[in-house]
Protein backbone atom coordinates (compact mmCIF):
# COMPACT_ATOMS: atom_id res chain seq x y z
CA MET A 1 -88.62 12.09 -46.02
CA ILE A 2 -87.55 12.29 -42.38
CA GLU A 3 -89.99 13.21 -39.62
CA LEU A 4 -88.84 14.87 -36.38
CA LYS A 5 -91.01 14.35 -33.33
CA ALA A 6 -90.77 14.39 -29.56
CA GLU A 7 -89.15 11.31 -28.06
CA GLN A 8 -91.71 9.09 -26.35
CA PRO A 9 -91.06 6.63 -23.50
CA GLU A 10 -91.40 3.71 -25.92
CA ASP A 11 -88.50 5.15 -28.00
CA ARG A 12 -86.03 4.85 -25.12
CA TRP A 13 -84.38 1.50 -25.90
CA GLU A 14 -84.19 2.17 -29.62
CA VAL A 15 -82.52 5.53 -28.93
CA GLU A 16 -80.08 3.89 -26.51
CA ALA A 17 -79.21 1.31 -29.20
CA LEU A 18 -78.52 4.15 -31.65
CA TYR A 19 -76.22 5.84 -29.12
CA ASP A 20 -74.42 2.52 -28.58
CA LEU A 21 -73.93 2.23 -32.34
CA CYS A 22 -72.69 5.80 -32.84
CA PHE A 23 -70.49 6.30 -29.78
CA ALA A 24 -67.51 4.49 -28.34
CA PRO A 25 -67.91 1.80 -25.72
CA GLY A 26 -67.82 3.30 -22.26
CA ARG A 27 -69.76 6.41 -23.32
CA GLU A 28 -71.73 6.24 -20.09
CA ALA A 29 -68.53 6.72 -18.08
CA LEU A 30 -68.20 10.32 -19.32
CA SER A 31 -68.81 13.11 -16.82
CA SER A 32 -71.86 14.34 -18.74
CA TYR A 33 -73.57 11.01 -18.08
CA ARG A 34 -73.15 11.45 -14.33
CA LEU A 35 -75.15 14.67 -14.66
CA ARG A 36 -77.95 12.72 -16.37
CA GLU A 37 -78.25 9.90 -13.82
CA ALA A 38 -81.72 9.74 -12.24
CA VAL A 39 -82.77 12.89 -14.14
CA PRO A 40 -85.31 12.51 -16.95
CA PRO A 41 -84.62 14.20 -20.29
CA VAL A 42 -86.56 17.42 -20.86
CA ASN A 43 -89.99 16.62 -22.25
CA GLY A 44 -90.68 17.90 -25.74
CA LEU A 45 -87.09 18.89 -26.48
CA SER A 46 -85.61 15.42 -26.72
CA GLN A 47 -86.49 14.30 -30.22
CA VAL A 48 -86.27 11.38 -32.60
CA ALA A 49 -86.02 11.41 -36.39
CA ARG A 50 -87.63 8.57 -38.31
CA ASP A 51 -87.51 7.76 -41.99
CA GLU A 52 -90.53 6.89 -44.15
CA GLY A 53 -90.42 3.29 -42.95
CA GLY A 54 -90.46 4.35 -39.30
CA ILE A 55 -86.81 3.39 -38.79
CA LEU A 56 -84.92 5.52 -36.27
CA ALA A 57 -82.52 7.77 -38.20
CA GLY A 58 -81.41 10.13 -35.42
CA ALA A 59 -82.00 11.34 -31.88
CA ILE A 60 -81.19 14.25 -29.60
CA ARG A 61 -81.69 14.67 -25.88
CA PHE A 62 -81.61 17.58 -23.45
CA TRP A 63 -81.21 17.54 -19.67
CA PRO A 64 -81.58 20.28 -17.04
CA VAL A 65 -78.39 21.07 -15.11
CA ARG A 66 -77.45 23.52 -12.38
CA ILE A 67 -74.39 25.73 -12.73
CA GLY A 68 -72.80 27.15 -9.61
CA ASP A 69 -75.34 29.25 -7.73
CA ALA A 70 -77.42 30.22 -10.80
CA ALA A 71 -81.10 30.31 -9.85
CA TRP A 72 -82.38 28.74 -13.07
CA PRO A 73 -81.24 25.60 -14.84
CA ALA A 74 -79.41 25.45 -18.13
CA LEU A 75 -80.01 22.84 -20.78
CA LEU A 76 -77.33 20.23 -21.35
CA LEU A 77 -77.51 19.18 -25.01
CA GLY A 78 -76.54 15.64 -25.77
CA PRO A 79 -76.13 13.21 -26.96
CA VAL A 80 -77.12 13.85 -30.56
CA ALA A 81 -76.62 10.97 -32.97
CA VAL A 82 -77.44 10.09 -36.56
CA HIS A 83 -77.55 6.52 -37.82
CA PRO A 84 -74.57 5.85 -40.15
CA THR A 85 -76.93 5.27 -43.09
CA HIS A 86 -78.19 8.87 -42.73
CA GLN A 87 -74.96 10.68 -41.88
CA GLY A 88 -74.00 13.52 -44.21
CA GLU A 89 -77.63 14.39 -44.97
CA GLY A 90 -77.86 17.31 -42.54
CA LEU A 91 -80.05 15.42 -40.11
CA GLY A 92 -77.91 16.19 -37.05
CA GLY A 93 -78.09 19.90 -37.85
CA ALA A 94 -81.85 19.68 -38.36
CA LEU A 95 -82.28 18.00 -34.97
CA ILE A 96 -80.13 20.64 -33.27
CA ARG A 97 -81.79 23.65 -34.95
CA ASP A 98 -85.34 22.36 -34.43
CA SER A 99 -84.83 21.47 -30.78
CA LEU A 100 -83.03 24.75 -30.00
CA ALA A 101 -85.97 26.66 -31.53
CA LYS A 102 -88.36 24.66 -29.33
CA ALA A 103 -86.20 25.37 -26.27
CA ALA A 104 -86.35 29.11 -26.95
CA GLU A 105 -90.13 28.95 -27.48
CA ARG A 106 -90.51 27.21 -24.12
CA GLY A 107 -88.55 29.85 -22.24
CA TRP A 108 -85.14 28.25 -21.84
CA SER A 109 -82.39 30.86 -21.90
CA ARG A 110 -79.07 29.00 -22.16
CA VAL A 111 -77.68 25.74 -23.48
CA LEU A 112 -74.47 23.92 -22.58
CA LEU A 113 -72.72 21.02 -24.29
CA VAL A 114 -69.43 19.19 -24.41
CA GLY A 115 -68.34 18.80 -28.01
CA ASP A 116 -66.24 19.84 -30.96
CA ALA A 117 -66.29 23.61 -31.43
CA PRO A 118 -65.73 23.44 -35.23
CA TYR A 119 -69.02 21.53 -35.57
CA TYR A 120 -71.15 23.41 -33.03
CA VAL A 121 -70.00 26.96 -33.82
CA ARG A 122 -72.31 26.99 -36.86
CA PHE A 123 -75.26 26.76 -34.46
CA GLY A 124 -73.98 29.71 -32.41
CA PHE A 125 -72.13 27.84 -29.66
CA THR A 126 -68.97 29.41 -28.26
CA PRO A 127 -66.44 28.33 -25.63
CA LEU A 128 -67.56 29.01 -22.05
CA CYS A 129 -65.11 30.43 -19.56
CA GLY A 130 -65.75 29.83 -15.89
CA VAL A 131 -68.25 27.02 -16.43
CA ASP A 132 -66.62 23.80 -15.29
CA MET A 133 -67.82 20.34 -16.16
CA PRO A 134 -66.91 17.61 -13.68
CA PRO A 135 -63.57 15.97 -14.49
CA PRO A 136 -62.27 14.54 -16.65
CA THR A 137 -63.61 17.00 -19.22
CA ASN A 138 -61.42 19.02 -21.56
CA PRO A 139 -62.41 22.65 -20.80
CA ASP A 140 -61.91 23.56 -24.48
CA ARG A 141 -64.90 21.35 -25.32
CA VAL A 142 -67.32 23.11 -22.93
CA LEU A 143 -69.51 25.26 -25.17
CA GLY A 144 -72.55 27.43 -24.58
CA LEU A 145 -75.32 29.14 -26.50
CA GLU A 146 -77.49 32.04 -25.38
CA LEU A 147 -81.13 31.66 -26.38
CA VAL A 148 -81.73 34.93 -24.52
CA PRO A 149 -79.08 37.67 -24.83
CA GLU A 150 -76.69 37.87 -21.87
CA SER A 151 -78.10 34.70 -20.31
CA TRP A 152 -74.58 33.39 -19.66
CA ALA A 153 -73.46 36.69 -18.06
CA ASN A 154 -72.39 36.11 -14.45
CA VAL A 155 -73.05 32.37 -14.68
CA HIS A 156 -70.02 30.43 -13.55
CA GLY A 157 -69.05 27.50 -11.43
CA LEU A 158 -69.29 23.75 -11.47
CA VAL A 159 -72.01 22.07 -13.54
CA LEU A 160 -74.12 19.92 -11.21
CA ARG A 161 -76.95 17.43 -11.53
CA TRP A 162 -80.33 19.14 -11.46
CA SER A 163 -82.67 18.16 -8.64
CA GLY A 164 -85.57 20.57 -9.02
CA PRO A 165 -88.49 20.81 -11.44
CA GLN A 166 -87.68 21.19 -15.13
CA THR A 167 -88.53 24.87 -15.11
CA PRO A 168 -86.99 26.83 -17.97
CA GLY A 169 -84.79 29.71 -16.96
């Protein structure tokens, strides 16, 4: 039995250790990490998954970002990771689906990520045109999801670090 719950401040180092285990060295040099610097993850959407023994099995985080001159922030999904001993059990998908449902309930309208389209398309993500992550990011890996219909309409420009309150939009 795996339990999903909101990430707490005391989970931080354990989650970072999981990301270190699951991702290549130098992960923090990616452009998406520059957007996260000095910005806290969105409360209640960033989650951890623990097994019956309380061992961290997976984690997902979300960050507010600004895109061009859009008035409201978008959510930047990532990273999402599952411990190797739990991969292939559907835990990553459960984390994504559960947290996206929570984001919609809390009034967020759009989600952005940098990832593999063949994996994320099953959650409704599609390639975004005109939304540019800071270099060096492969534009084919920039994907978006509308939690509210047409929420990506007329949103274009460079993705920038968010500096305002974490107000859904």
